[in-house]
Amino acid sequence: MPSELLRKSQNTYHHGDLREAMVQAALREAERGGPETISIKALAKELGVSQPAPYRHFADREALLVAVTAEAFRQFGAVLREAIRKPSRRTRLSRIARATLDFGLKRNGIYRLMFATRAKAGAPSGSELHQAAGETFELVLEALGPPVPGFLRERHALAIWSGVHGVVMLAEQGLLTGTVARISVEELVEDMVRQTELAHALAVKDAQGGE
């Protein structure tokens, strides 16, 4: 195939599916350079469409970011589900935490799109982004086990979610080398998992004792 035709096939989208093409192209851009690099104008040029064409599907850049972030959460959720399904001696919470760590460090551009922008905060309640993020958090809740009174399971899930997120962000910035404590980021995450699982097990035991 002539190089000119090859470039054309790579830079155009399947007819009638511009919205999905924009989302996937924006994800690739975020993967390469983070959410800051996403530009409707640049994506339209890459896909070989007119500048106004994307605005038939997205009112503005923020609307595009909401759609792209929702897709990022869906992909992230698929990674977590796969980690849970794989045979392992580690607990489900440990597998989810390690998968999150790996995803955050290896796909940091997309991770920052999900967690370091205000896309979710600006998305309307009930949007596809809220649904995708909620489904991801449900995986953490399920990994912890049965619910307990006082929303303790939710608190424990938030604690491990926040802790692993902090490790990802600090490690990615080179601020968490583990030198001082002689611990790797993986070991640090496993410490968080054990502490969270212990706290939840005690909460379940207390709830059962009070019945």
N, C-alpha and C. Protein backbone atom coordinates (compact mmCIF):
# COMPACT_ATOMS: atom_id res chain seq x y z
N MET A 1 0.86 -1.21 0.00
CA MET A 1 0.00 0.00 0.00
C MET A 1 0.88 1.24 0.00
N PRO A 2 0.62 2.18 -0.90
CA PRO A 2 1.42 3.40 -0.92
C PRO A 2 1.37 4.09 0.43
N SER A 3 2.50 4.75 0.78
CA SER A 3 2.59 5.37 2.10
C SER A 3 1.52 6.43 2.29
N GLU A 4 1.15 7.15 1.20
CA GLU A 4 0.13 8.20 1.33
C GLU A 4 -1.21 7.61 1.71
N LEU A 5 -1.57 6.47 1.08
CA LEU A 5 -2.83 5.82 1.41
C LEU A 5 -2.80 5.22 2.80
N LEU A 6 -1.64 4.71 3.22
CA LEU A 6 -1.51 4.15 4.56
C LEU A 6 -1.73 5.23 5.60
N ARG A 7 -1.11 6.41 5.39
CA ARG A 7 -1.30 7.51 6.34
C ARG A 7 -2.76 7.93 6.39
N LYS A 8 -3.41 7.93 5.22
CA LYS A 8 -4.81 8.32 5.19
C LYS A 8 -5.67 7.35 5.96
N SER A 9 -5.42 6.03 5.82
CA SER A 9 -6.23 5.03 6.52
C SER A 9 -6.03 5.10 8.02
N GLN A 10 -4.84 5.50 8.45
CA GLN A 10 -4.56 5.58 9.87
C GLN A 10 -5.15 6.83 10.49
N ASN A 11 -5.34 7.87 9.69
CA ASN A 11 -5.76 9.16 10.23
C ASN A 11 -7.23 9.47 10.00
N THR A 12 -7.98 8.51 9.48
CA THR A 12 -9.40 8.72 9.28
C THR A 12 -10.18 7.78 10.16
N TYR A 13 -11.47 8.02 10.30
CA TYR A 13 -12.30 7.21 11.18
C TYR A 13 -13.34 6.47 10.36
N HIS A 14 -13.94 5.44 10.93
CA HIS A 14 -14.99 4.71 10.26
C HIS A 14 -16.23 5.59 10.16
N HIS A 15 -16.79 5.66 8.99
CA HIS A 15 -17.93 6.55 8.74
C HIS A 15 -19.05 6.32 9.75
N GLY A 16 -19.55 7.40 10.33
CA GLY A 16 -20.68 7.33 11.25
C GLY A 16 -20.31 7.06 12.68
N ASP A 17 -19.03 6.98 13.00
CA ASP A 17 -18.63 6.66 14.37
C ASP A 17 -17.59 7.68 14.87
N LEU A 18 -17.81 8.94 14.56
CA LEU A 18 -16.83 9.96 14.93
C LEU A 18 -16.71 10.10 16.44
N ARG A 19 -17.81 9.99 17.17
CA ARG A 19 -17.74 10.13 18.62
C ARG A 19 -16.77 9.12 19.23
N GLU A 20 -16.93 7.85 18.85
CA GLU A 20 -16.05 6.81 19.40
C GLU A 20 -14.62 7.02 18.92
N ALA A 21 -14.45 7.44 17.68
CA ALA A 21 -13.11 7.69 17.17
C ALA A 21 -12.43 8.81 17.95
N MET A 22 -13.18 9.85 18.30
CA MET A 22 -12.64 10.95 19.09
C MET A 22 -12.21 10.47 20.47
N VAL A 23 -13.05 9.66 21.09
CA VAL A 23 -12.75 9.15 22.43
C VAL A 23 -11.48 8.31 22.41
N GLN A 24 -11.37 7.40 21.45
CA GLN A 24 -10.21 6.52 21.39
C GLN A 24 -8.93 7.30 21.05
N ALA A 25 -9.05 8.28 20.16
CA ALA A 25 -7.89 9.10 19.81
C ALA A 25 -7.45 9.94 21.00
N ALA A 26 -8.40 10.46 21.75
CA ALA A 26 -8.07 11.24 22.94
C ALA A 26 -7.40 10.38 24.00
N LEU A 27 -7.85 9.14 24.13
CA LEU A 27 -7.20 8.22 25.07
C LEU A 27 -5.75 7.97 24.68
N ARG A 28 -5.51 7.78 23.41
CA ARG A 28 -4.13 7.58 22.95
C ARG A 28 -3.28 8.81 23.24
N GLU A 29 -3.87 9.98 23.05
CA GLU A 29 -3.15 11.22 23.32
C GLU A 29 -2.83 11.35 24.80
N ALA A 30 -3.80 11.01 25.65
CA ALA A 30 -3.58 11.06 27.10
C ALA A 30 -2.51 10.07 27.51
N GLU A 31 -2.51 8.91 26.87
CA GLU A 31 -1.51 7.88 27.18
C GLU A 31 -0.10 8.40 26.88
N ARG A 32 0.02 9.15 25.80
CA ARG A 32 1.34 9.66 25.41
C ARG A 32 1.78 10.86 26.26
N GLY A 33 0.86 11.78 26.50
CA GLY A 33 1.30 13.02 27.14
C GLY A 33 0.45 13.52 28.28
N GLY A 34 -0.55 12.74 28.72
CA GLY A 34 -1.39 13.17 29.82
C GLY A 34 -2.60 13.95 29.33
N PRO A 35 -3.54 14.22 30.21
CA PRO A 35 -4.79 14.90 29.83
C PRO A 35 -4.60 16.30 29.28
N GLU A 36 -3.50 16.94 29.65
CA GLU A 36 -3.26 18.31 29.21
C GLU A 36 -3.10 18.40 27.69
N THR A 37 -2.73 17.30 27.05
CA THR A 37 -2.45 17.33 25.62
C THR A 37 -3.69 17.13 24.76
N ILE A 38 -4.83 16.83 25.37
CA ILE A 38 -6.04 16.56 24.60
C ILE A 38 -6.60 17.87 24.03
N SER A 39 -6.74 17.92 22.73
CA SER A 39 -7.24 19.11 22.03
C SER A 39 -8.22 18.67 20.95
N ILE A 40 -9.43 19.23 20.97
CA ILE A 40 -10.42 18.88 19.96
C ILE A 40 -9.90 19.23 18.57
N LYS A 41 -9.28 20.39 18.44
CA LYS A 41 -8.77 20.82 17.15
C LYS A 41 -7.72 19.85 16.61
N ALA A 42 -6.79 19.45 17.47
CA ALA A 42 -5.73 18.53 17.05
C ALA A 42 -6.30 17.15 16.71
N LEU A 43 -7.28 16.70 17.48
CA LEU A 43 -7.87 15.39 17.22
C LEU A 43 -8.65 15.40 15.91
N ALA A 44 -9.35 16.49 15.63
CA ALA A 44 -10.08 16.59 14.37
C ALA A 44 -9.11 16.50 13.20
N LYS A 45 -7.98 17.18 13.32
CA LYS A 45 -6.97 17.14 12.26
C LYS A 45 -6.42 15.73 12.11
N GLU A 46 -6.15 15.07 13.23
CA GLU A 46 -5.61 13.70 13.19
C GLU A 46 -6.58 12.75 12.51
N LEU A 47 -7.88 12.94 12.77
CA LEU A 47 -8.89 12.04 12.22
C LEU A 47 -9.33 12.44 10.82
N GLY A 48 -8.84 13.58 10.35
CA GLY A 48 -9.16 14.00 8.99
C GLY A 48 -10.57 14.52 8.80
N VAL A 49 -11.12 15.17 9.84
CA VAL A 49 -12.46 15.74 9.72
C VAL A 49 -12.38 17.25 9.89
N SER A 50 -13.46 17.93 9.55
CA SER A 50 -13.48 19.38 9.67
C SER A 50 -13.47 19.79 11.14
N GLN A 51 -13.04 21.01 11.41
CA GLN A 51 -12.96 21.49 12.79
C GLN A 51 -14.33 21.49 13.49
N PRO A 52 -15.42 21.83 12.81
CA PRO A 52 -16.71 21.83 13.50
C PRO A 52 -17.28 20.44 13.76
N ALA A 53 -16.82 19.42 13.01
CA ALA A 53 -17.44 18.09 13.09
C ALA A 53 -17.52 17.51 14.51
N PRO A 54 -16.43 17.57 15.31
CA PRO A 54 -16.51 16.99 16.66
C PRO A 54 -17.58 17.63 17.55
N TYR A 55 -17.91 18.89 17.27
CA TYR A 55 -18.86 19.59 18.13
C TYR A 55 -20.30 19.11 17.92
N ARG A 56 -20.50 18.24 16.96
CA ARG A 56 -21.80 17.59 16.84
C ARG A 56 -21.99 16.57 17.96
N HIS A 57 -20.88 16.14 18.54
CA HIS A 57 -20.93 15.11 19.58
C HIS A 57 -20.52 15.63 20.95
N PHE A 58 -19.71 16.68 20.98
CA PHE A 58 -19.20 17.23 22.24
C PHE A 58 -19.37 18.75 22.24
N ALA A 59 -20.04 19.25 23.25
CA ALA A 59 -20.29 20.70 23.31
C ALA A 59 -18.99 21.48 23.42
N ASP A 60 -18.01 20.89 24.14
CA ASP A 60 -16.73 21.56 24.33
C ASP A 60 -15.70 20.54 24.79
N ARG A 61 -14.52 21.01 25.10
CA ARG A 61 -13.44 20.11 25.52
C ARG A 61 -13.81 19.39 26.81
N GLU A 62 -14.49 20.05 27.72
CA GLU A 62 -14.87 19.41 28.98
C GLU A 62 -15.80 18.23 28.75
N ALA A 63 -16.72 18.38 27.80
CA ALA A 63 -17.63 17.28 27.48
C ALA A 63 -16.85 16.09 26.90
N LEU A 64 -15.85 16.39 26.08
CA LEU A 64 -15.00 15.32 25.55
C LEU A 64 -14.25 14.64 26.68
N LEU A 65 -13.71 15.41 27.61
CA LEU A 65 -12.97 14.84 28.72
C LEU A 65 -13.85 13.92 29.57
N VAL A 66 -15.11 14.28 29.75
CA VAL A 66 -16.02 13.43 30.52
C VAL A 66 -16.17 12.08 29.82
N ALA A 67 -16.38 12.10 28.51
CA ALA A 67 -16.55 10.86 27.77
C ALA A 67 -15.27 10.03 27.77
N VAL A 68 -14.14 10.69 27.60
CA VAL A 68 -12.86 9.97 27.57
C VAL A 68 -12.54 9.39 28.94
N THR A 69 -12.80 10.14 29.99
CA THR A 69 -12.54 9.65 31.34
C THR A 69 -13.44 8.48 31.69
N ALA A 70 -14.68 8.52 31.22
CA ALA A 70 -15.58 7.38 31.44
C ALA A 70 -15.03 6.12 30.79
N GLU A 71 -14.53 6.26 29.56
CA GLU A 71 -13.94 5.12 28.87
C GLU A 71 -12.68 4.64 29.60
N ALA A 72 -11.89 5.57 30.12
CA ALA A 72 -10.70 5.20 30.89
C ALA A 72 -11.08 4.38 32.11
N PHE A 73 -12.13 4.79 32.81
CA PHE A 73 -12.58 4.04 33.99
C PHE A 73 -13.09 2.65 33.58
N ARG A 74 -13.76 2.56 32.44
CA ARG A 74 -14.22 1.25 31.99
C ARG A 74 -13.04 0.32 31.71
N GLN A 75 -12.00 0.87 31.07
CA GLN A 75 -10.81 0.05 30.82
C GLN A 75 -10.11 -0.33 32.12
N PHE A 76 -10.04 0.62 33.04
CA PHE A 76 -9.44 0.36 34.35
C PHE A 76 -10.22 -0.72 35.09
N GLY A 77 -11.55 -0.62 35.05
CA GLY A 77 -12.38 -1.64 35.69
C GLY A 77 -12.15 -3.01 35.09
N ALA A 78 -11.98 -3.08 33.78
CA ALA A 78 -11.71 -4.36 33.12
C ALA A 78 -10.39 -4.95 33.59
N VAL A 79 -9.40 -4.09 33.80
CA VAL A 79 -8.10 -4.55 34.31
C VAL A 79 -8.26 -5.13 35.72
N LEU A 80 -9.04 -4.46 36.56
CA LEU A 80 -9.24 -4.94 37.93
C LEU A 80 -10.00 -6.27 37.93
N ARG A 81 -11.02 -6.38 37.08
CA ARG A 81 -11.77 -7.64 37.02
C ARG A 81 -10.89 -8.79 36.57
N GLU A 82 -10.02 -8.51 35.61
CA GLU A 82 -9.09 -9.54 35.14
C GLU A 82 -8.14 -9.95 36.26
N ALA A 83 -7.68 -8.99 37.05
CA ALA A 83 -6.79 -9.30 38.17
C ALA A 83 -7.50 -10.18 39.19
N ILE A 84 -8.78 -9.93 39.42
CA ILE A 84 -9.54 -10.74 40.37
C ILE A 84 -9.72 -12.16 39.85
N ARG A 85 -9.96 -12.30 38.55
CA ARG A 85 -10.23 -13.62 37.97
C ARG A 85 -9.00 -14.52 37.93
N LYS A 86 -7.84 -13.92 37.77
CA LYS A 86 -6.62 -14.73 37.63
C LYS A 86 -6.34 -15.51 38.92
N PRO A 87 -5.98 -16.79 38.79
CA PRO A 87 -5.63 -17.56 39.99
C PRO A 87 -4.45 -16.94 40.71
N SER A 88 -4.54 -16.84 42.02
CA SER A 88 -3.48 -16.22 42.80
C SER A 88 -3.63 -16.60 44.27
N ARG A 89 -2.52 -16.65 44.97
CA ARG A 89 -2.57 -16.89 46.41
C ARG A 89 -2.89 -15.62 47.18
N ARG A 90 -2.78 -14.49 46.51
CA ARG A 90 -3.08 -13.22 47.17
C ARG A 90 -4.58 -13.02 47.27
N THR A 91 -4.99 -12.22 48.21
CA THR A 91 -6.41 -11.93 48.39
C THR A 91 -6.92 -11.06 47.23
N ARG A 92 -8.25 -10.99 47.11
CA ARG A 92 -8.82 -10.17 46.05
C ARG A 92 -8.44 -8.70 46.23
N LEU A 93 -8.44 -8.22 47.47
CA LEU A 93 -8.09 -6.82 47.70
C LEU A 93 -6.63 -6.57 47.33
N SER A 94 -5.77 -7.52 47.64
CA SER A 94 -4.36 -7.38 47.28
C SER A 94 -4.19 -7.33 45.77
N ARG A 95 -4.93 -8.17 45.05
CA ARG A 95 -4.82 -8.18 43.59
C ARG A 95 -5.33 -6.87 42.99
N ILE A 96 -6.42 -6.34 43.55
CA ILE A 96 -6.94 -5.07 43.06
C ILE A 96 -5.95 -3.94 43.33
N ALA A 97 -5.38 -3.94 44.53
CA ALA A 97 -4.43 -2.88 44.89
C ALA A 97 -3.20 -2.92 44.01
N ARG A 98 -2.66 -4.11 43.78
CA ARG A 98 -1.47 -4.23 42.94
C ARG A 98 -1.78 -3.89 41.49
N ALA A 99 -2.96 -4.27 41.01
CA ALA A 99 -3.34 -3.94 39.64
C ALA A 99 -3.49 -2.43 39.48
N THR A 100 -4.02 -1.79 40.51
CA THR A 100 -4.14 -0.32 40.48
C THR A 100 -2.76 0.33 40.45
N LEU A 101 -1.86 -0.17 41.27
CA LEU A 101 -0.50 0.36 41.29
C LEU A 101 0.16 0.20 39.92
N ASP A 102 0.06 -0.97 39.34
CA ASP A 102 0.67 -1.22 38.03
C ASP A 102 0.06 -0.32 36.95
N PHE A 103 -1.27 -0.21 36.97
CA PHE A 103 -1.95 0.62 35.99
C PHE A 103 -1.52 2.08 36.14
N GLY A 104 -1.47 2.54 37.38
CA GLY A 104 -1.12 3.94 37.63
C GLY A 104 0.29 4.30 37.22
N LEU A 105 1.22 3.36 37.36
CA LEU A 105 2.61 3.64 37.03
C LEU A 105 2.92 3.41 35.55
N LYS A 106 2.27 2.41 34.97
CA LYS A 106 2.57 2.08 33.57
C LYS A 106 1.73 2.88 32.58
N ARG A 107 0.54 3.30 33.01
CA ARG A 107 -0.35 4.06 32.13
C ARG A 107 -0.69 5.39 32.81
N ASN A 108 0.36 6.09 33.20
CA ASN A 108 0.16 7.25 34.07
C ASN A 108 -0.60 8.38 33.41
N GLY A 109 -0.45 8.54 32.10
CA GLY A 109 -1.19 9.59 31.42
C GLY A 109 -2.69 9.40 31.57
N ILE A 110 -3.14 8.17 31.37
CA ILE A 110 -4.57 7.86 31.53
C ILE A 110 -4.96 7.91 32.99
N TYR A 111 -4.09 7.44 33.87
CA TYR A 111 -4.39 7.49 35.30
C TYR A 111 -4.61 8.94 35.76
N ARG A 112 -3.76 9.85 35.29
CA ARG A 112 -3.92 11.26 35.66
C ARG A 112 -5.19 11.83 35.05
N LEU A 113 -5.56 11.36 33.87
CA LEU A 113 -6.83 11.78 33.28
C LEU A 113 -7.98 11.42 34.22
N MET A 114 -7.92 10.23 34.82
CA MET A 114 -8.98 9.74 35.68
C MET A 114 -9.00 10.44 37.04
N PHE A 115 -7.81 10.66 37.61
CA PHE A 115 -7.74 11.06 39.01
C PHE A 115 -7.13 12.44 39.27
N ALA A 116 -6.58 13.06 38.25
CA ALA A 116 -5.94 14.35 38.48
C ALA A 116 -6.57 15.46 37.64
N THR A 117 -7.77 15.23 37.13
CA THR A 117 -8.53 16.29 36.47
C THR A 117 -9.86 16.43 37.21
N ARG A 118 -10.61 17.46 36.87
CA ARG A 118 -11.90 17.68 37.51
C ARG A 118 -13.05 17.22 36.62
N ALA A 119 -12.75 16.27 35.74
CA ALA A 119 -13.77 15.79 34.81
C ALA A 119 -14.96 15.21 35.56
N LYS A 120 -14.68 14.36 36.56
CA LYS A 120 -15.79 13.73 37.30
C LYS A 120 -16.55 14.76 38.11
N ALA A 121 -15.83 15.70 38.73
CA ALA A 121 -16.50 16.71 39.54
C ALA A 121 -17.44 17.57 38.70
N GLY A 122 -17.08 17.77 37.44
CA GLY A 122 -17.90 18.61 36.58
C GLY A 122 -18.96 17.86 35.81
N ALA A 123 -18.93 16.53 35.88
CA ALA A 123 -19.90 15.73 35.13
C ALA A 123 -21.25 15.72 35.86
N PRO A 124 -22.35 15.76 35.13
CA PRO A 124 -23.66 15.73 35.77
C PRO A 124 -23.90 14.41 36.48
N SER A 125 -24.68 14.46 37.56
CA SER A 125 -25.01 13.26 38.31
C SER A 125 -25.72 12.27 37.40
N GLY A 126 -25.33 11.00 37.49
CA GLY A 126 -25.94 9.98 36.65
C GLY A 126 -25.31 9.85 35.29
N SER A 127 -24.24 10.60 35.03
CA SER A 127 -23.56 10.53 33.73
C SER A 127 -22.83 9.20 33.59
N GLU A 128 -22.39 8.91 32.36
CA GLU A 128 -21.64 7.68 32.13
C GLU A 128 -20.35 7.65 32.93
N LEU A 129 -19.78 8.82 33.21
CA LEU A 129 -18.56 8.87 34.00
C LEU A 129 -18.83 8.49 35.44
N HIS A 130 -19.87 9.03 36.03
CA HIS A 130 -20.21 8.67 37.40
C HIS A 130 -20.51 7.17 37.51
N GLN A 131 -21.20 6.64 36.52
CA GLN A 131 -21.52 5.21 36.54
C GLN A 131 -20.27 4.36 36.43
N ALA A 132 -19.37 4.71 35.52
CA ALA A 132 -18.14 3.92 35.32
C ALA A 132 -17.25 3.98 36.55
N ALA A 133 -17.12 5.16 37.15
CA ALA A 133 -16.29 5.29 38.36
C ALA A 133 -16.92 4.54 39.52
N GLY A 134 -18.25 4.61 39.63
CA GLY A 134 -18.94 3.90 40.70
C GLY A 134 -18.79 2.40 40.59
N GLU A 135 -18.85 1.88 39.37
CA GLU A 135 -18.67 0.44 39.16
C GLU A 135 -17.26 -0.01 39.56
N THR A 136 -16.29 0.84 39.32
CA THR A 136 -14.91 0.53 39.71
C THR A 136 -14.79 0.46 41.23
N PHE A 137 -15.38 1.43 41.91
CA PHE A 137 -15.32 1.45 43.37
C PHE A 137 -16.06 0.25 43.96
N GLU A 138 -17.12 -0.21 43.29
CA GLU A 138 -17.85 -1.38 43.75
C GLU A 138 -16.95 -2.61 43.80
N LEU A 139 -15.99 -2.70 42.89
CA LEU A 139 -15.06 -3.82 42.90
C LEU A 139 -14.24 -3.84 44.18
N VAL A 140 -13.84 -2.66 44.65
CA VAL A 140 -13.08 -2.57 45.91
C VAL A 140 -13.96 -3.01 47.07
N LEU A 141 -15.20 -2.56 47.07
CA LEU A 141 -16.13 -2.95 48.14
C LEU A 141 -16.32 -4.46 48.17
N GLU A 142 -16.55 -5.06 47.01
CA GLU A 142 -16.75 -6.50 46.93
C GLU A 142 -15.52 -7.27 47.39
N ALA A 143 -14.35 -6.75 47.07
CA ALA A 143 -13.11 -7.42 47.45
C ALA A 143 -12.92 -7.45 48.97
N LEU A 144 -13.47 -6.45 49.65
CA LEU A 144 -13.34 -6.39 51.11
C LEU A 144 -14.21 -7.43 51.81
N GLY A 145 -15.32 -7.80 51.19
CA GLY A 145 -16.20 -8.77 51.83
C GLY A 145 -17.53 -8.17 52.21
N PRO A 146 -18.18 -8.77 53.22
CA PRO A 146 -19.54 -8.35 53.57
C PRO A 146 -19.59 -6.95 54.17
N PRO A 147 -20.71 -6.26 53.97
CA PRO A 147 -20.88 -4.94 54.59
C PRO A 147 -21.03 -5.06 56.09
N VAL A 148 -20.70 -4.00 56.79
CA VAL A 148 -20.85 -3.95 58.25
C VAL A 148 -21.55 -2.63 58.62
N PRO A 149 -22.14 -2.56 59.81
CA PRO A 149 -22.86 -1.34 60.20
C PRO A 149 -21.96 -0.10 60.19
N GLY A 150 -22.61 1.03 60.04
CA GLY A 150 -21.88 2.30 60.11
C GLY A 150 -21.06 2.62 58.88
N PHE A 151 -21.38 1.94 57.76
CA PHE A 151 -20.66 2.17 56.51
C PHE A 151 -19.15 1.96 56.68
N LEU A 152 -18.78 1.03 57.57
CA LEU A 152 -17.35 0.80 57.79
C LEU A 152 -16.67 0.18 56.57
N ARG A 153 -17.41 -0.68 55.86
CA ARG A 153 -16.80 -1.25 54.66
C ARG A 153 -16.49 -0.15 53.65
N GLU A 154 -17.41 0.80 53.50
CA GLU A 154 -17.18 1.92 52.59
C GLU A 154 -15.98 2.76 53.04
N ARG A 155 -15.86 2.95 54.35
CA ARG A 155 -14.72 3.72 54.87
C ARG A 155 -13.41 2.99 54.62
N HIS A 156 -13.42 1.68 54.84
CA HIS A 156 -12.19 0.91 54.60
C HIS A 156 -11.83 0.92 53.11
N ALA A 157 -12.84 0.84 52.24
CA ALA A 157 -12.58 0.88 50.80
C ALA A 157 -12.00 2.22 50.40
N LEU A 158 -12.54 3.29 50.96
CA LEU A 158 -12.00 4.62 50.66
C LEU A 158 -10.56 4.76 51.17
N ALA A 159 -10.29 4.15 52.32
CA ALA A 159 -8.94 4.25 52.90
C ALA A 159 -7.91 3.58 51.99
N ILE A 160 -8.21 2.37 51.51
CA ILE A 160 -7.23 1.67 50.68
C ILE A 160 -7.15 2.33 49.30
N TRP A 161 -8.28 2.80 48.79
CA TRP A 161 -8.30 3.51 47.50
C TRP A 161 -7.41 4.76 47.59
N SER A 162 -7.59 5.54 48.65
CA SER A 162 -6.81 6.77 48.83
C SER A 162 -5.34 6.45 49.04
N GLY A 163 -5.05 5.40 49.82
CA GLY A 163 -3.67 5.05 50.10
C GLY A 163 -2.90 4.64 48.86
N VAL A 164 -3.50 3.77 48.05
CA VAL A 164 -2.84 3.31 46.83
C VAL A 164 -2.69 4.47 45.84
N HIS A 165 -3.71 5.32 45.77
CA HIS A 165 -3.63 6.49 44.90
C HIS A 165 -2.46 7.38 45.31
N GLY A 166 -2.28 7.57 46.61
CA GLY A 166 -1.17 8.38 47.08
C GLY A 166 0.17 7.78 46.72
N VAL A 167 0.28 6.47 46.82
CA VAL A 167 1.53 5.80 46.45
C VAL A 167 1.82 6.00 44.96
N VAL A 168 0.79 5.83 44.12
CA VAL A 168 0.98 6.01 42.68
C VAL A 168 1.47 7.41 42.36
N MET A 169 0.80 8.42 42.92
CA MET A 169 1.13 9.80 42.59
C MET A 169 2.52 10.19 43.09
N LEU A 170 2.87 9.76 44.30
CA LEU A 170 4.18 10.09 44.85
C LEU A 170 5.29 9.35 44.10
N ALA A 171 5.05 8.07 43.80
CA ALA A 171 6.07 7.28 43.10
C ALA A 171 6.29 7.81 41.70
N GLU A 172 5.22 8.19 41.03
CA GLU A 172 5.34 8.69 39.66
C GLU A 172 6.13 9.99 39.62
N GLN A 173 6.04 10.78 40.68
CA GLN A 173 6.78 12.03 40.75
C GLN A 173 8.19 11.85 41.31
N GLY A 174 8.56 10.61 41.60
CA GLY A 174 9.89 10.35 42.13
C GLY A 174 10.05 10.74 43.59
N LEU A 175 8.92 10.93 44.29
CA LEU A 175 8.96 11.36 45.68
C LEU A 175 8.81 10.20 46.66
N LEU A 176 8.68 8.99 46.12
CA LEU A 176 8.52 7.82 46.99
C LEU A 176 9.43 6.71 46.48
N THR A 177 10.64 6.74 46.95
CA THR A 177 11.63 5.76 46.51
C THR A 177 11.74 4.58 47.47
N GLY A 178 11.25 4.73 48.70
CA GLY A 178 11.33 3.66 49.69
C GLY A 178 12.68 3.58 50.37
N THR A 179 13.60 4.48 50.04
CA THR A 179 14.95 4.42 50.59
C THR A 179 14.95 4.59 52.10
N VAL A 180 14.19 5.55 52.59
CA VAL A 180 14.19 5.85 54.03
C VAL A 180 13.68 4.66 54.84
N ALA A 181 12.59 4.05 54.39
CA ALA A 181 11.98 2.94 55.14
C ALA A 181 12.45 1.58 54.65
N ARG A 182 13.32 1.57 53.65
CA ARG A 182 13.80 0.31 53.08
C ARG A 182 12.61 -0.56 52.64
N ILE A 183 11.74 0.01 51.85
CA ILE A 183 10.54 -0.70 51.41
C ILE A 183 10.21 -0.31 49.98
N SER A 184 9.78 -1.27 49.21
CA SER A 184 9.38 -0.99 47.83
C SER A 184 7.93 -0.49 47.81
N VAL A 185 7.55 0.11 46.70
CA VAL A 185 6.16 0.58 46.61
C VAL A 185 5.19 -0.59 46.68
N GLU A 186 5.61 -1.75 46.12
CA GLU A 186 4.75 -2.93 46.18
C GLU A 186 4.56 -3.40 47.62
N GLU A 187 5.65 -3.40 48.38
CA GLU A 187 5.55 -3.81 49.78
C GLU A 187 4.72 -2.83 50.60
N LEU A 188 4.86 -1.55 50.28
CA LEU A 188 4.08 -0.54 50.98
C LEU A 188 2.59 -0.74 50.73
N VAL A 189 2.23 -1.02 49.48
CA VAL A 189 0.83 -1.28 49.14
C VAL A 189 0.32 -2.52 49.86
N GLU A 190 1.15 -3.56 49.94
CA GLU A 190 0.73 -4.78 50.63
C GLU A 190 0.53 -4.51 52.13
N ASP A 191 1.34 -3.65 52.71
CA ASP A 191 1.13 -3.27 54.11
C ASP A 191 -0.24 -2.60 54.28
N MET A 192 -0.58 -1.72 53.35
CA MET A 192 -1.89 -1.05 53.40
C MET A 192 -3.02 -2.05 53.27
N VAL A 193 -2.85 -3.01 52.38
CA VAL A 193 -3.87 -4.04 52.19
C VAL A 193 -4.08 -4.83 53.47
N ARG A 194 -3.00 -5.27 54.08
CA ARG A 194 -3.13 -6.07 55.31
C ARG A 194 -3.80 -5.27 56.42
N GLN A 195 -3.42 -4.02 56.57
CA GLN A 195 -4.04 -3.18 57.60
C GLN A 195 -5.53 -2.99 57.34
N THR A 196 -5.88 -2.78 56.09
CA THR A 196 -7.28 -2.59 55.73
C THR A 196 -8.07 -3.87 55.95
N GLU A 197 -7.51 -4.99 55.55
CA GLU A 197 -8.21 -6.27 55.72
C GLU A 197 -8.38 -6.61 57.19
N LEU A 198 -7.37 -6.31 58.00
CA LEU A 198 -7.46 -6.57 59.43
C LEU A 198 -8.55 -5.70 60.05
N ALA A 199 -8.57 -4.42 59.71
CA ALA A 199 -9.58 -3.52 60.25
C ALA A 199 -10.98 -3.97 59.86
N HIS A 200 -11.13 -4.43 58.63
CA HIS A 200 -12.46 -4.86 58.19
C HIS A 200 -12.86 -6.17 58.87
N ALA A 201 -11.91 -7.09 59.02
CA ALA A 201 -12.21 -8.36 59.68
C ALA A 201 -12.65 -8.13 61.13
N LEU A 202 -12.00 -7.20 61.81
CA LEU A 202 -12.39 -6.88 63.19
C LEU A 202 -13.78 -6.25 63.23
N ALA A 203 -14.08 -5.41 62.24
CA ALA A 203 -15.40 -4.79 62.19
C ALA A 203 -16.49 -5.83 61.95
N VAL A 204 -16.21 -6.79 61.07
CA VAL A 204 -17.17 -7.87 60.81
C VAL A 204 -17.37 -8.71 62.07
N LYS A 205 -16.27 -9.02 62.77
CA LYS A 205 -16.35 -9.81 63.98
C LYS A 205 -17.16 -9.11 65.06
N ASP A 206 -16.92 -7.80 65.21
CA ASP A 206 -17.67 -7.03 66.19
C ASP A 206 -19.16 -6.99 65.85
N ALA A 207 -19.46 -6.87 64.54
CA ALA A 207 -20.86 -6.83 64.12
C ALA A 207 -21.54 -8.16 64.38
N GLN A 208 -20.84 -9.25 64.14
CA GLN A 208 -21.40 -10.56 64.39
C GLN A 208 -21.59 -10.83 65.87
N GLY A 209 -20.67 -10.30 66.67
CA GLY A 209 -20.77 -10.48 68.12
C GLY A 209 -21.92 -9.72 68.73
N GLY A 210 -22.32 -8.63 68.04
CA GLY A 210 -23.40 -7.80 68.57
C GLY A 210 -24.77 -8.27 68.15
N GLU A 211 -24.82 -9.30 67.30
CA GLU A 211 -26.12 -9.79 66.82
C GLU A 211 -26.83 -10.63 67.89
